[in-house]
Amino acid sequence: MDILRCKTPSMVRKEIYVYLLGYNLLRSLMWDAGTTYGMPPNRLSLQGIRHHLLNFIPKLEAAKSQKRNRLYRTLLKIIVHKQVPDRPAGTEPRVTKRRPKAYPRLTKPRQELRKQLQSA
């Protein structure tokens, strides 16, 4: 059974909203860490931030408010150290490479080609 058929449109919409919420949470952490410690937020690693946040969540949940603030500042310091190198020409064209194959392209129905192979 296809998994998408089991979900109602409202459930799919909720799932998309949760992904967007998580993405925006990570981007806001990037922004907060970058502006707090003088690092351009676009130079910080999104996956590095996700990794450290997942490690810090249990500690943040268990901590009281003052310790939670210290843990948050520590998280921001760690995030700042997860930067990606500056890539001035980091954009690549979105194209596909057609690699030459030793076989011709399928231009007729498979059944017809199978009959031709069997009769030959």
Protein backbone atom coordinates (compact mmCIF):
# COMPACT_ATOMS: atom_id res chain seq x y z
CA MET A 1 0.00 0.00 0.00
CA ASP A 2 1.34 3.40 -0.93
CA ILE A 3 2.11 5.51 2.11
CA LEU A 4 0.81 8.71 0.50
CA ARG A 5 -2.61 7.17 -0.04
CA CYS A 6 -2.96 6.57 3.70
CA LYS A 7 -2.50 10.23 4.59
CA THR A 8 -5.27 12.74 4.25
CA PRO A 9 -4.52 16.10 2.64
CA SER A 10 -4.76 17.84 6.01
CA MET A 11 -2.18 15.45 7.50
CA VAL A 12 0.19 16.11 4.61
CA ARG A 13 -0.30 19.84 5.10
CA LYS A 14 0.45 19.51 8.84
CA GLU A 15 3.58 17.50 8.08
CA ILE A 16 4.81 20.18 5.69
CA TYR A 17 4.12 22.84 8.34
CA VAL A 18 6.18 20.88 10.89
CA TYR A 19 9.12 20.64 8.47
CA LEU A 20 8.90 24.37 7.78
CA LEU A 21 8.73 25.08 11.50
CA GLY A 22 11.87 23.00 12.11
CA TYR A 23 13.69 24.65 9.23
CA ASN A 24 12.78 28.12 10.50
CA LEU A 25 13.91 27.13 14.00
CA LEU A 26 17.33 26.16 12.65
CA ARG A 27 17.58 29.35 10.58
CA SER A 28 16.65 31.49 13.60
CA LEU A 29 19.37 29.73 15.62
CA MET A 30 21.81 30.52 12.82
CA TRP A 31 20.75 34.14 12.86
CA ASP A 32 20.94 34.40 16.65
CA ALA A 33 24.38 32.77 16.83
CA GLY A 34 25.73 34.81 13.94
CA THR A 35 24.54 38.17 15.24
CA THR A 36 25.55 37.41 18.83
CA TYR A 37 29.11 36.38 17.99
CA GLY A 38 29.79 38.46 14.89
CA MET A 39 29.66 35.68 12.29
CA PRO A 40 27.70 35.98 9.03
CA PRO A 41 24.76 33.56 9.46
CA ASN A 42 25.06 32.28 5.88
CA ARG A 43 28.53 30.92 6.74
CA LEU A 44 27.16 28.60 9.44
CA SER A 45 26.46 24.94 8.75
CA LEU A 46 22.76 24.09 8.79
CA GLN A 47 23.41 20.37 9.35
CA GLY A 48 25.98 21.12 12.05
CA ILE A 49 23.41 23.26 13.85
CA ARG A 50 20.80 20.52 13.53
CA HIS A 51 23.22 17.98 14.97
CA HIS A 52 24.15 20.15 17.97
CA LEU A 53 20.55 21.16 18.65
CA LEU A 54 19.49 17.50 18.76
CA ASN A 55 22.26 16.87 21.30
CA PHE A 56 21.28 19.89 23.41
CA ILE A 57 17.49 19.36 23.47
CA PRO A 58 17.46 16.86 26.39
CA LYS A 59 19.77 19.10 28.42
CA LEU A 60 17.68 22.18 27.69
CA GLU A 61 14.47 20.38 28.66
CA ALA A 62 15.88 19.18 31.98
CA ALA A 63 17.48 22.49 33.00
CA LYS A 64 15.97 25.22 35.12
CA SER A 65 15.61 28.73 33.63
CA GLN A 66 19.04 30.18 34.61
CA LYS A 67 20.91 27.07 33.57
CA ARG A 68 18.82 26.92 30.39
CA ASN A 69 20.03 30.43 29.45
CA ARG A 70 23.66 29.38 30.01
CA LEU A 71 23.12 26.21 27.95
CA TYR A 72 21.56 28.27 25.17
CA ARG A 73 24.58 30.61 25.11
CA THR A 74 26.87 27.57 25.06
CA LEU A 75 24.88 26.16 22.15
CA LEU A 76 25.29 29.44 20.28
CA LYS A 77 29.07 29.41 20.90
CA ILE A 78 29.31 25.87 19.57
CA ILE A 79 27.18 26.72 16.54
CA VAL A 80 29.50 29.60 15.61
CA HIS A 81 32.39 27.16 15.37
CA LYS A 82 30.51 25.06 12.78
CA GLN A 83 31.10 27.27 9.79
CA VAL A 84 31.38 26.30 6.17
CA PRO A 85 34.22 27.65 4.03
CA ASP A 86 33.61 30.72 1.93
CA ARG A 87 32.67 29.56 -1.56
CA PRO A 88 32.48 32.59 -3.85
CA ALA A 89 31.72 30.47 -6.92
CA GLY A 90 29.62 27.95 -5.02
CA THR A 91 26.73 27.88 -7.45
CA GLU A 92 26.52 25.15 -10.01
CA PRO A 93 24.22 25.04 -13.04
CA ARG A 94 21.27 22.70 -12.68
CA VAL A 95 21.72 20.51 -15.74
CA THR A 96 21.78 16.81 -16.38
CA LYS A 97 24.53 15.07 -18.24
CA ARG A 98 23.42 12.64 -20.88
CA ARG A 99 26.03 9.92 -20.87
CA PRO A 100 26.42 8.01 -24.11
CA LYS A 101 25.09 4.47 -23.92
CA ALA A 102 25.98 1.50 -26.08
CA TYR A 103 22.28 0.77 -26.70
CA PRO A 104 19.70 2.71 -28.71
CA ARG A 105 16.84 4.49 -26.95
CA LEU A 106 13.50 2.75 -26.38
CA THR A 107 11.26 4.21 -29.09
CA LYS A 108 8.71 1.39 -29.54
CA PRO A 109 6.57 -0.51 -27.02
CA ARG A 110 8.45 -3.27 -25.19
CA GLN A 111 6.09 -5.98 -26.41
CA GLU A 112 6.78 -5.08 -30.02
CA LEU A 113 10.54 -5.11 -29.49
CA ARG A 114 10.34 -8.47 -27.68
CA LYS A 115 8.50 -9.97 -30.66
CA GLN A 116 11.18 -8.62 -33.00
CA LEU A 117 13.92 -10.18 -30.84
CA GLN A 118 12.17 -13.56 -30.71
CA SER A 119 11.54 -13.66 -34.48
CA ALA A 120 15.13 -12.77 -35.33
